[in-house]
């Protein structure tokens, strides 16, 4: 028997067990710290936009960590070193001889 309550509760995503996953589904999801807490929602925090501030701060930290992890690592080309390896000390043409 399913009782209907008149109490508010947070909606949760429900996926079937045989749901196909992709590479995008395996990525780390952003979850703000205020949602990880098990304390009840404070109306004063909602009215004062405290949850929005927490969400923005956590999002900025998440984006910075994500960019640092995804950032391509390039090695600067050193053409002078490459040319020094291929430079010969022999003279093939004698000019003025």
PDB file of N, CA and C in Angstrom:
ATOM      1  N   UNK A   1       0.821  -1.176   0.000  1.00  0.00           N
ATOM      2  CA  UNK A   1       0.000   0.000   0.000  1.00  0.00           C
ATOM      3  C   UNK A   1       0.875   1.255   0.000  1.00  0.00           C
ATOM      4  N   UNK A   2       0.633   2.137  -0.878  1.00  0.00           N
ATOM      5  CA  UNK A   2       1.431   3.354  -0.999  1.00  0.00           C
ATOM      6  C   UNK A   2       0.641   4.526  -0.434  1.00  0.00           C
ATOM      7  N   UNK A   3       1.118   5.064   0.678  1.00  0.00           N
ATOM      8  CA  UNK A   3       0.457   6.209   1.290  1.00  0.00           C
ATOM      9  C   UNK A   3       1.000   7.490   0.678  1.00  0.00           C
ATOM     10  N   UNK A   4       0.130   8.387   0.378  1.00  0.00           N
ATOM     11  CA  UNK A   4       0.559   9.682  -0.137  1.00  0.00           C
ATOM     12  C   UNK A   4       0.689  10.635   1.039  1.00  0.00           C
ATOM     13  N   UNK A   5       1.819  11.303   1.098  1.00  0.00           N
ATOM     14  CA  UNK A   5       2.032  12.263   2.173  1.00  0.00           C
ATOM     15  C   UNK A   5       1.940  13.666   1.621  1.00  0.00           C
ATOM     16  N   UNK A   6       1.615  14.581   2.482  1.00  0.00           N
ATOM     17  CA  UNK A   6       1.543  15.982   2.084  1.00  0.00           C
ATOM     18  C   UNK A   6       2.803  16.721   2.489  1.00  0.00           C
ATOM     19  N   UNK A   7       3.828  15.963   2.826  1.00  0.00           N
ATOM     20  CA  UNK A   7       5.091  16.549   3.239  1.00  0.00           C
ATOM     21  C   UNK A   7       6.000  16.669   2.024  1.00  0.00           C
ATOM     22  N   UNK A   8       6.746  17.764   1.967  1.00  0.00           N
ATOM     23  CA  UNK A   8       7.651  17.991   0.856  1.00  0.00           C
ATOM     24  C   UNK A   8       8.874  17.102   0.999  1.00  0.00           C
ATOM     25  N   UNK A   9       9.314  16.523  -0.103  1.00  0.00           N
ATOM     26  CA  UNK A   9      10.559  15.751  -0.106  1.00  0.00           C
ATOM     27  C   UNK A   9      11.268  16.007  -1.430  1.00  0.00           C
ATOM     28  N   UNK A  10      12.558  15.860  -1.395  1.00  0.00           N
ATOM     29  CA  UNK A  10      13.381  16.131  -2.567  1.00  0.00           C
ATOM     30  C   UNK A  10      13.215  15.015  -3.598  1.00  0.00           C
ATOM     31  N   UNK A  11      13.120  15.385  -4.859  1.00  0.00           N
ATOM     32  CA  UNK A  11      13.012  14.401  -5.932  1.00  0.00           C
ATOM     33  C   UNK A  11      14.374  13.780  -6.186  1.00  0.00           C
ATOM     34  N   UNK A  12      14.422  12.501  -6.448  1.00  0.00           N
ATOM     35  CA  UNK A  12      15.664  11.784  -6.722  1.00  0.00           C
ATOM     36  C   UNK A  12      15.536  11.085  -8.082  1.00  0.00           C
ATOM     37  N   UNK A  13      16.668  11.018  -8.782  1.00  0.00           N
ATOM     38  CA  UNK A  13      16.703  10.369 -10.075  1.00  0.00           C
ATOM     39  C   UNK A  13      16.653   8.856  -9.889  1.00  0.00           C
ATOM     40  N   UNK A  14      15.771   8.217 -10.587  1.00  0.00           N
ATOM     41  CA  UNK A  14      15.626   6.768 -10.470  1.00  0.00           C
ATOM     42  C   UNK A  14      15.955   6.139 -11.823  1.00  0.00           C
ATOM     43  N   UNK A  15      17.068   5.401 -11.886  1.00  0.00           N
ATOM     44  CA  UNK A  15      17.474   4.740 -13.123  1.00  0.00           C
ATOM     45  C   UNK A  15      17.213   3.246 -13.008  1.00  0.00           C
ATOM     46  N   UNK A  16      16.789   2.618 -14.087  1.00  0.00           N
ATOM     47  CA  UNK A  16      16.632   1.156 -14.031  1.00  0.00           C
ATOM     48  C   UNK A  16      17.995   0.476 -13.899  1.00  0.00           C
ATOM     49  N   UNK A  17      18.018  -0.718 -13.328  1.00  0.00           N
ATOM     50  CA  UNK A  17      19.276  -1.420 -13.099  1.00  0.00           C
ATOM     51  C   UNK A  17      19.987  -1.782 -14.394  1.00  0.00           C
ATOM     52  N   UNK A  18      19.241  -2.032 -15.456  1.00  0.00           N
ATOM     53  CA  UNK A  18      19.843  -2.428 -16.722  1.00  0.00           C
ATOM     54  C   UNK A  18      20.072  -1.226 -17.645  1.00  0.00           C
ATOM     55  N   UNK A  19      20.112  -0.044 -17.086  1.00  0.00           N
ATOM     56  CA  UNK A  19      20.306   1.165 -17.873  1.00  0.00           C
ATOM     57  C   UNK A  19      21.710   1.165 -18.490  1.00  0.00           C
ATOM     58  N   UNK A  20      21.800   1.492 -19.770  1.00  0.00           N
ATOM     59  CA  UNK A  20      23.090   1.556 -20.450  1.00  0.00           C
ATOM     60  C   UNK A  20      23.829   2.814 -20.015  1.00  0.00           C
ATOM     61  N   UNK A  21      25.126   2.690 -19.826  1.00  0.00           N
ATOM     62  CA  UNK A  21      25.923   3.850 -19.448  1.00  0.00           C
ATOM     63  C   UNK A  21      26.905   4.173 -20.561  1.00  0.00           C
ATOM     64  N   UNK A  22      27.271   5.433 -20.633  1.00  0.00           N
ATOM     65  CA  UNK A  22      28.247   5.885 -21.614  1.00  0.00           C
ATOM     66  C   UNK A  22      29.431   6.483 -20.871  1.00  0.00           C
ATOM     67  N   UNK A  23      30.413   6.904 -21.635  1.00  0.00           N
ATOM     68  CA  UNK A  23      31.577   7.534 -21.030  1.00  0.00           C
ATOM     69  C   UNK A  23      31.175   8.812 -20.298  1.00  0.00           C
ATOM     70  N   UNK A  24      30.196   9.523 -20.840  1.00  0.00           N
ATOM     71  CA  UNK A  24      29.728  10.753 -20.194  1.00  0.00           C
ATOM     72  C   UNK A  24      29.045  10.442 -18.867  1.00  0.00           C
ATOM     73  N   UNK A  25      28.431   9.285 -18.749  1.00  0.00           N
ATOM     74  CA  UNK A  25      27.764   8.916 -17.513  1.00  0.00           C
ATOM     75  C   UNK A  25      28.725   8.546 -16.403  1.00  0.00           C
ATOM     76  N   UNK A  26      29.975   8.245 -16.743  1.00  0.00           N
ATOM     77  CA  UNK A  26      30.960   7.840 -15.752  1.00  0.00           C
ATOM     78  C   UNK A  26      31.694   9.028 -15.140  1.00  0.00           C
ATOM     79  N   UNK A  27      31.455  10.218 -15.654  1.00  0.00           N
ATOM     80  CA  UNK A  27      32.144  11.400 -15.157  1.00  0.00           C
ATOM     81  C   UNK A  27      31.700  11.737 -13.742  1.00  0.00           C
ATOM     82  N   UNK A  28      32.585  12.420 -13.064  1.00  0.00           N
ATOM     83  CA  UNK A  28      32.272  12.850 -11.702  1.00  0.00           C
ATOM     84  C   UNK A  28      31.203  13.930 -11.759  1.00  0.00           C
ATOM     85  N   UNK A  29      30.183  13.766 -10.935  1.00  0.00           N
ATOM     86  CA  UNK A  29      29.086  14.723 -10.913  1.00  0.00           C
ATOM     87  C   UNK A  29      29.347  15.793  -9.869  1.00  0.00           C
ATOM     88  N   UNK A  30      28.813  16.956 -10.119  1.00  0.00           N
ATOM     89  CA  UNK A  30      28.924  18.056  -9.170  1.00  0.00           C
ATOM     90  C   UNK A  30      27.798  17.945  -8.156  1.00  0.00           C
ATOM     91  N   UNK A  31      28.168  17.841  -6.883  1.00  0.00           N
ATOM     92  CA  UNK A  31      27.200  17.816  -5.792  1.00  0.00           C
ATOM     93  C   UNK A  31      27.670  18.831  -4.754  1.00  0.00           C
ATOM     94  N   UNK A  32      26.886  19.889  -4.515  1.00  0.00           N
ATOM     95  CA  UNK A  32      27.313  20.884  -3.532  1.00  0.00           C
ATOM     96  C   UNK A  32      27.296  20.322  -2.116  1.00  0.00           C
ATOM     97  N   UNK A  33      28.104  20.911  -1.254  1.00  0.00           N
ATOM     98  CA  UNK A  33      28.237  20.398   0.106  1.00  0.00           C
ATOM     99  C   UNK A  33      26.947  20.514   0.904  1.00  0.00           C
ATOM    100  N   UNK A  34      26.089  21.488   0.574  1.00  0.00           N
ATOM    101  CA  UNK A  34      24.841  21.635   1.324  1.00  0.00           C
ATOM    102  C   UNK A  34      23.884  20.473   1.060  1.00  0.00           C
ATOM    103  N   UNK A  35      24.006  19.799  -0.086  1.00  0.00           N
ATOM    104  CA  UNK A  35      23.160  18.639  -0.366  1.00  0.00           C
ATOM    105  C   UNK A  35      23.684  17.373   0.287  1.00  0.00           C
ATOM    106  N   UNK A  36      24.962  17.356   0.654  1.00  0.00           N
ATOM    107  CA  UNK A  36      25.530  16.181   1.307  1.00  0.00           C
ATOM    108  C   UNK A  36      25.178  16.134   2.791  1.00  0.00           C
ATOM    109  N   UNK A  37      24.827  17.280   3.351  1.00  0.00           N
ATOM    110  CA  UNK A  37      24.454  17.322   4.751  1.00  0.00           C
ATOM    111  C   UNK A  37      23.071  16.702   4.932  1.00  0.00           C
ATOM    112  N   UNK A  38      22.890  16.033   6.028  1.00  0.00           N
ATOM    113  CA  UNK A  38      21.604  15.380   6.301  1.00  0.00           C
ATOM    114  C   UNK A  38      20.703  16.225   7.191  1.00  0.00           C
ATOM    115  N   UNK A  39      21.079  17.460   7.432  1.00  0.00           N
ATOM    116  CA  UNK A  39      20.272  18.325   8.290  1.00  0.00           C
ATOM    117  C   UNK A  39      19.063  18.847   7.509  1.00  0.00           C
ATOM    118  N   UNK A  40      18.003  19.192   8.200  1.00  0.00           N
ATOM    119  CA  UNK A  40      16.823  19.724   7.504  1.00  0.00           C
ATOM    120  C   UNK A  40      17.118  21.083   6.884  1.00  0.00           C
ATOM    121  N   UNK A  41      16.356  21.432   5.870  1.00  0.00           N
ATOM    122  CA  UNK A  41      16.552  22.688   5.156  1.00  0.00           C
ATOM    123  C   UNK A  41      16.136  23.844   6.048  1.00  0.00           C
ATOM    124  N   UNK A  42      16.995  24.830   6.143  1.00  0.00           N
ATOM    125  CA  UNK A  42      16.713  25.998   6.971  1.00  0.00           C
ATOM    126  C   UNK A  42      16.054  27.078   6.124  1.00  0.00           C
ATOM    127  N   UNK A  43      14.908  27.550   6.586  1.00  0.00           N
ATOM    128  CA  UNK A  43      14.188  28.579   5.839  1.00  0.00           C
ATOM    129  C   UNK A  43      14.975  29.886   5.811  1.00  0.00           C
ATOM    130  N   UNK A  44      15.701  30.193   6.881  1.00  0.00           N
ATOM    131  CA  UNK A  44      16.480  31.433   6.885  1.00  0.00           C
ATOM    132  C   UNK A  44      17.611  31.378   5.867  1.00  0.00           C
ATOM    133  N   UNK A  45      18.183  30.185   5.652  1.00  0.00           N
ATOM    134  CA  UNK A  45      19.218  30.045   4.629  1.00  0.00           C
ATOM    135  C   UNK A  45      18.621  30.167   3.231  1.00  0.00           C
ATOM    136  N   UNK A  46      17.418  29.681   3.051  1.00  0.00           N
ATOM    137  CA  UNK A  46      16.755  29.820   1.751  1.00  0.00           C
ATOM    138  C   UNK A  46      16.448  31.284   1.452  1.00  0.00           C
ATOM    139  N   UNK A  47      15.902  31.989   2.429  1.00  0.00           N
ATOM    140  CA  UNK A  47      15.540  33.386   2.226  1.00  0.00           C
ATOM    141  C   UNK A  47      16.788  34.252   2.059  1.00  0.00           C
ATOM    142  N   UNK A  48      17.832  33.954   2.810  1.00  0.00           N
ATOM    143  CA  UNK A  48      19.048  34.754   2.744  1.00  0.00           C
ATOM    144  C   UNK A  48      19.998  34.346   1.639  1.00  0.00           C
ATOM    145  N   UNK A  49      19.600  33.443   0.774  1.00  0.00           N
ATOM    146  CA  UNK A  49      20.406  32.978  -0.360  1.00  0.00           C
ATOM    147  C   UNK A  49      21.722  32.336   0.074  1.00  0.00           C
ATOM    148  N   UNK A  50      21.769  31.810   1.292  1.00  0.00           N
ATOM    149  CA  UNK A  50      22.997  31.173   1.769  1.00  0.00           C
ATOM    150  C   UNK A  50      23.300  29.910   0.962  1.00  0.00           C
ATOM    151  N   UNK A  51      22.274  29.159   0.610  1.00  0.00           N
ATOM    152  CA  UNK A  51      22.475  27.949  -0.195  1.00  0.00           C
ATOM    153  C   UNK A  51      23.017  28.291  -1.579  1.00  0.00           C
ATOM    154  N   UNK A  52      22.585  29.436  -2.126  1.00  0.00           N
ATOM    155  CA  UNK A  52      23.101  29.861  -3.437  1.00  0.00           C
ATOM    156  C   UNK A  52      24.584  30.215  -3.340  1.00  0.00           C
ATOM    157  N   UNK A  53      24.974  30.871  -2.251  1.00  0.00           N
ATOM    158  CA  UNK A  53      26.391  31.205  -2.059  1.00  0.00           C
ATOM    159  C   UNK A  53      27.240  29.945  -1.918  1.00  0.00           C
ATOM    160  N   UNK A  54      26.732  28.980  -1.143  1.00  0.00           N
ATOM    161  CA  UNK A  54      27.448  27.714  -0.973  1.00  0.00           C
ATOM    162  C   UNK A  54      27.562  27.002  -2.310  1.00  0.00           C
ATOM    163  N   UNK A  55      26.464  26.989  -3.080  1.00  0.00           N
ATOM    164  CA  UNK A  55      26.453  26.311  -4.372  1.00  0.00           C
ATOM    165  C   UNK A  55      27.467  26.953  -5.311  1.00  0.00           C
ATOM    166  N   UNK A  56      27.504  28.283  -5.373  1.00  0.00           N
ATOM    167  CA  UNK A  56      28.441  28.978  -6.266  1.00  0.00           C
ATOM    168  C   UNK A  56      29.887  28.735  -5.847  1.00  0.00           C
ATOM    169  N   UNK A  57      30.168  28.771  -4.545  1.00  0.00           N
ATOM    170  CA  UNK A  57      31.531  28.522  -4.064  1.00  0.00           C
ATOM    171  C   UNK A  57      31.975  27.101  -4.413  1.00  0.00           C
ATOM    172  N   UNK A  58      31.103  26.127  -4.154  1.00  0.00           N
ATOM    173  CA  UNK A  58      31.439  24.735  -4.466  1.00  0.00           C
ATOM    174  C   UNK A  58      31.580  24.507  -5.965  1.00  0.00           C
ATOM    175  N   UNK A  59      30.744  25.188  -6.751  1.00  0.00           N
ATOM    176  CA  UNK A  59      30.833  25.052  -8.211  1.00  0.00           C
ATOM    177  C   UNK A  59      32.151  25.601  -8.734  1.00  0.00           C
ATOM    178  N   UNK A  60      32.575  26.753  -8.215  1.00  0.00           N
ATOM    179  CA  UNK A  60      33.848  27.344  -8.650  1.00  0.00           C
ATOM    180  C   UNK A  60      35.020  26.426  -8.327  1.00  0.00           C
ATOM    181  N   UNK A  61      35.014  25.827  -7.146  1.00  0.00           N
ATOM    182  CA  UNK A  61      36.077  24.890  -6.762  1.00  0.00           C
ATOM    183  C   UNK A  61      36.052  23.670  -7.675  1.00  0.00           C
ATOM    184  N   UNK A  62      34.857  23.149  -7.978  1.00  0.00           N
ATOM    185  CA  UNK A  62      34.713  21.976  -8.845  1.00  0.00           C
ATOM    186  C   UNK A  62      35.221  22.272 -10.246  1.00  0.00           C
ATOM    187  N   UNK A  63      34.884  23.443 -10.778  1.00  0.00           N
ATOM    188  CA  UNK A  63      35.309  23.822 -12.135  1.00  0.00           C
ATOM    189  C   UNK A  63      36.827  23.981 -12.193  1.00  0.00           C
ATOM    190  N   UNK A  64      37.427  24.589 -11.170  1.00  0.00           N
ATOM    191  CA  UNK A  64      38.880  24.748 -11.147  1.00  0.00           C
ATOM    192  C   UNK A  64      39.585  23.395 -11.109  1.00  0.00           C
ATOM    193  N   UNK A  65      39.087  22.480 -10.294  1.00  0.00           N
ATOM    194  CA  UNK A  65      39.693  21.151 -10.225  1.00  0.00           C
ATOM    195  C   UNK A  65      39.517  20.408 -11.537  1.00  0.00           C
ATOM    196  N   UNK A  66      38.372  20.561 -12.156  1.00  0.00           N
ATOM    197  CA  UNK A  66      38.091  19.888 -13.423  1.00  0.00           C
ATOM    198  C   UNK A  66      39.005  20.415 -14.527  1.00  0.00           C
ATOM    199  N   UNK A  67      39.175  21.755 -14.582  1.00  0.00           N
ATOM    200  CA  UNK A  67      40.038  22.352 -15.599  1.00  0.00           C
ATOM    201  C   UNK A  67      41.488  21.929 -15.401  1.00  0.00           C
ATOM    202  N   UNK A  68      41.912  21.836 -14.148  1.00  0.00           N
ATOM    203  CA  UNK A  68      43.286  21.425 -13.868  1.00  0.00           C
ATOM    204  C   UNK A  68      43.506  19.975 -14.309  1.00  0.00           C
ATOM    205  N   UNK A  69      42.506  19.125 -14.119  1.00  0.00           N
ATOM    206  CA  UNK A  69      42.644  17.720 -14.486  1.00  0.00           C
ATOM    207  C   UNK A  69      42.579  17.515 -15.992  1.00  0.00           C
ATOM    208  N   UNK A  70      41.788  18.323 -16.673  1.00  0.00           N
ATOM    209  CA  UNK A  70      41.567  18.146 -18.112  1.00  0.00           C
ATOM    210  C   UNK A  70      42.584  18.917 -18.944  1.00  0.00           C
ATOM    211  N   UNK A  71      43.259  19.874 -18.321  1.00  0.00           N
ATOM    212  CA  UNK A  71      44.181  20.748 -19.050  1.00  0.00           C
ATOM    213  C   UNK A  71      45.244  19.917 -19.783  1.00  0.00           C
ATOM    214  N   UNK A  72      45.412  20.213 -21.058  1.00  0.00           N
ATOM    215  CA  UNK A  72      46.401  19.497 -21.868  1.00  0.00           C
ATOM    216  C   UNK A  72      47.802  19.877 -21.417  1.00  0.00           C
ATOM    217  N   UNK A  73      48.659  18.900 -21.394  1.00  0.00           N
ATOM    218  CA  UNK A  73      50.037  19.135 -20.981  1.00  0.00           C
ATOM    219  C   UNK A  73      50.921  19.148 -22.214  1.00  0.00           C
ATOM    220  N   UNK A  74      51.467  20.314 -22.518  1.00  0.00           N
ATOM    221  CA  UNK A  74      52.297  20.490 -23.694  1.00  0.00           C
ATOM    222  C   UNK A  74      53.749  20.654 -23.285  1.00  0.00           C
ATOM    223  N   UNK A  75      54.624  20.116 -24.092  1.00  0.00           N
ATOM    224  CA  UNK A  75      56.051  20.323 -23.921  1.00  0.00           C
ATOM    225  C   UNK A  75      56.467  21.338 -24.977  1.00  0.00           C
ATOM    226  N   UNK A  76      57.101  22.395 -24.518  1.00  0.00           N
ATOM    227  CA  UNK A  76      57.505  23.445 -25.440  1.00  0.00           C
ATOM    228  C   UNK A  76      58.586  22.906 -26.376  1.00  0.00           C
ATOM    229  N   UNK A  77      58.406  23.182 -27.660  1.00  0.00           N
ATOM    230  CA  UNK A  77      59.371  22.722 -28.655  1.00  0.00           C
ATOM    231  C   UNK A  77      60.679  23.494 -28.528  1.00  0.00           C
ATOM    232  N   UNK A  78      61.792  22.749 -28.560  1.00  0.00           N
ATOM    233  CA  UNK A  78      63.115  23.369 -28.490  1.00  0.00           C
ATOM    234  C   UNK A  78      63.818  23.083 -29.820  1.00  0.00           C
ATOM    235  N   UNK A  79      63.594  23.974 -30.804  1.00  0.00           N
ATOM    236  CA  UNK A  79      64.134  23.762 -32.134  1.00  0.00           C
ATOM    237  C   UNK A  79      65.649  23.927 -32.162  1.00  0.00           C
ATOM    238  N   UNK A  80      66.179  24.783 -31.301  1.00  0.00           N
ATOM    239  CA  UNK A  80      67.628  24.982 -31.250  1.00  0.00           C
ATOM    240  C   UNK A  80      68.327  23.677 -30.865  1.00  0.00           C
ATOM    241  N   UNK A  81      67.810  22.973 -29.902  1.00  0.00           N
ATOM    242  CA  UNK A  81      68.375  21.690 -29.482  1.00  0.00           C
ATOM    243  C   UNK A  81      68.308  20.683 -30.636  1.00  0.00           C
ATOM    244  N   UNK A  82      67.179  20.668 -31.326  1.00  0.00           N
ATOM    245  CA  UNK A  82      66.986  19.747 -32.444  1.00  0.00           C
ATOM    246  C   UNK A  82      68.003  20.047 -33.552  1.00  0.00           C
ATOM    247  N   UNK A  83      68.233  21.339 -33.841  1.00  0.00           N
ATOM    248  CA  UNK A  83      69.187  21.702 -34.883  1.00  0.00           C
ATOM    249  C   UNK A  83      70.631  21.390 -34.474  1.00  0.00           C
ATOM    250  N   UNK A  84      70.967  21.580 -33.180  1.00  0.00           N
ATOM    251  CA  UNK A  84      72.319  21.272 -32.712  1.00  0.00           C
ATOM    252  C   UNK A  84      72.629  19.785 -32.871  1.00  0.00           C
ATOM    253  N   UNK A  85      71.646  18.924 -32.697  1.00  0.00           N
ATOM    254  CA  UNK A  85      71.870  17.489 -32.868  1.00  0.00           C
ATOM    255  C   UNK A  85      72.186  17.129 -34.314  1.00  0.00           C
ATOM    256  N   UNK A  86      71.642  17.885 -35.241  1.00  0.00           N
ATOM    257  CA  UNK A  86      71.798  17.554 -36.651  1.00  0.00           C
ATOM    258  C   UNK A  86      72.883  18.369 -37.347  1.00  0.00           C
ATOM    259  N   UNK A  87      73.554  19.225 -36.638  1.00  0.00           N
ATOM    260  CA  UNK A  87      74.593  20.058 -37.218  1.00  0.00           C
ATOM    261  C   UNK A  87      75.882  19.235 -37.367  1.00  0.00           C
ATOM    262  N   UNK A  88      76.462  19.307 -38.530  1.00  0.00           N
ATOM    263  CA  UNK A  88      77.706  18.561 -38.760  1.00  0.00           C
ATOM    264  C   UNK A  88      78.893  19.505 -38.655  1.00  0.00           C
ATOM    265  N   UNK A  89      80.007  18.940 -38.278  1.00  0.00           N
ATOM    266  CA  UNK A  89      81.213  19.755 -38.168  1.00  0.00           C
ATOM    267  C   UNK A  89      82.043  19.698 -39.455  1.00  0.00           C
ATOM    268  N   UNK A  90      81.663  18.811 -40.372  1.00  0.00           N
ATOM    269  CA  UNK A  90      82.410  18.681 -41.630  1.00  0.00           C
ATOM    270  C   UNK A  90      81.933  19.700 -42.641  1.00  0.00           C
ATOM    271  N   UNK A  91      82.838  20.165 -43.456  1.00  0.00           N
ATOM    272  CA  UNK A  91      82.487  21.062 -44.540  1.00  0.00           C
ATOM    273  C   UNK A  91      82.506  20.274 -45.827  1.00  0.00           C
ATOM    274  N   UNK A  92      81.393  20.271 -46.521  1.00  0.00           N
ATOM    275  CA  UNK A  92      81.303  19.480 -47.739  1.00  0.00           C
ATOM    276  C   UNK A  92      81.799  20.281 -48.954  1.00  0.00           C
ATOM    277  N   UNK A  93      81.644  21.576 -48.926  1.00  0.00           N
ATOM    278  CA  UNK A  93      82.088  22.417 -50.044  1.00  0.00           C
ATOM    279  C   UNK A  93      83.188  23.334 -49.558  1.00  0.00           C
ATOM    280  N   UNK A  94      84.251  23.341 -50.274  1.00  0.00           N
ATOM    281  CA  UNK A  94      85.350  24.263 -49.941  1.00  0.00           C
ATOM    282  C   UNK A  94      85.225  25.463 -50.848  1.00  0.00           C
ATOM    283  N   UNK A  95      85.008  26.574 -50.250  1.00  0.00           N
ATOM    284  CA  UNK A  95      84.823  27.798 -51.003  1.00  0.00           C
ATOM    285  C   UNK A  95      86.170  28.494 -51.130  1.00  0.00           C
ATOM    286  N   UNK A  96      86.524  28.857 -52.331  1.00  0.00           N
ATOM    287  CA  UNK A  96      87.741  29.598 -52.589  1.00  0.00           C
ATOM    288  C   UNK A  96      88.974  28.727 -52.669  1.00  0.00           C
ATOM    289  N   UNK A  97      88.816  27.460 -52.870  1.00  0.00           N
ATOM    290  CA  UNK A  97      89.994  26.591 -52.939  1.00  0.00           C
ATOM    291  C   UNK A  97      90.441  26.386 -54.352  1.00  0.00           C
TER     292      UNK A  97
END
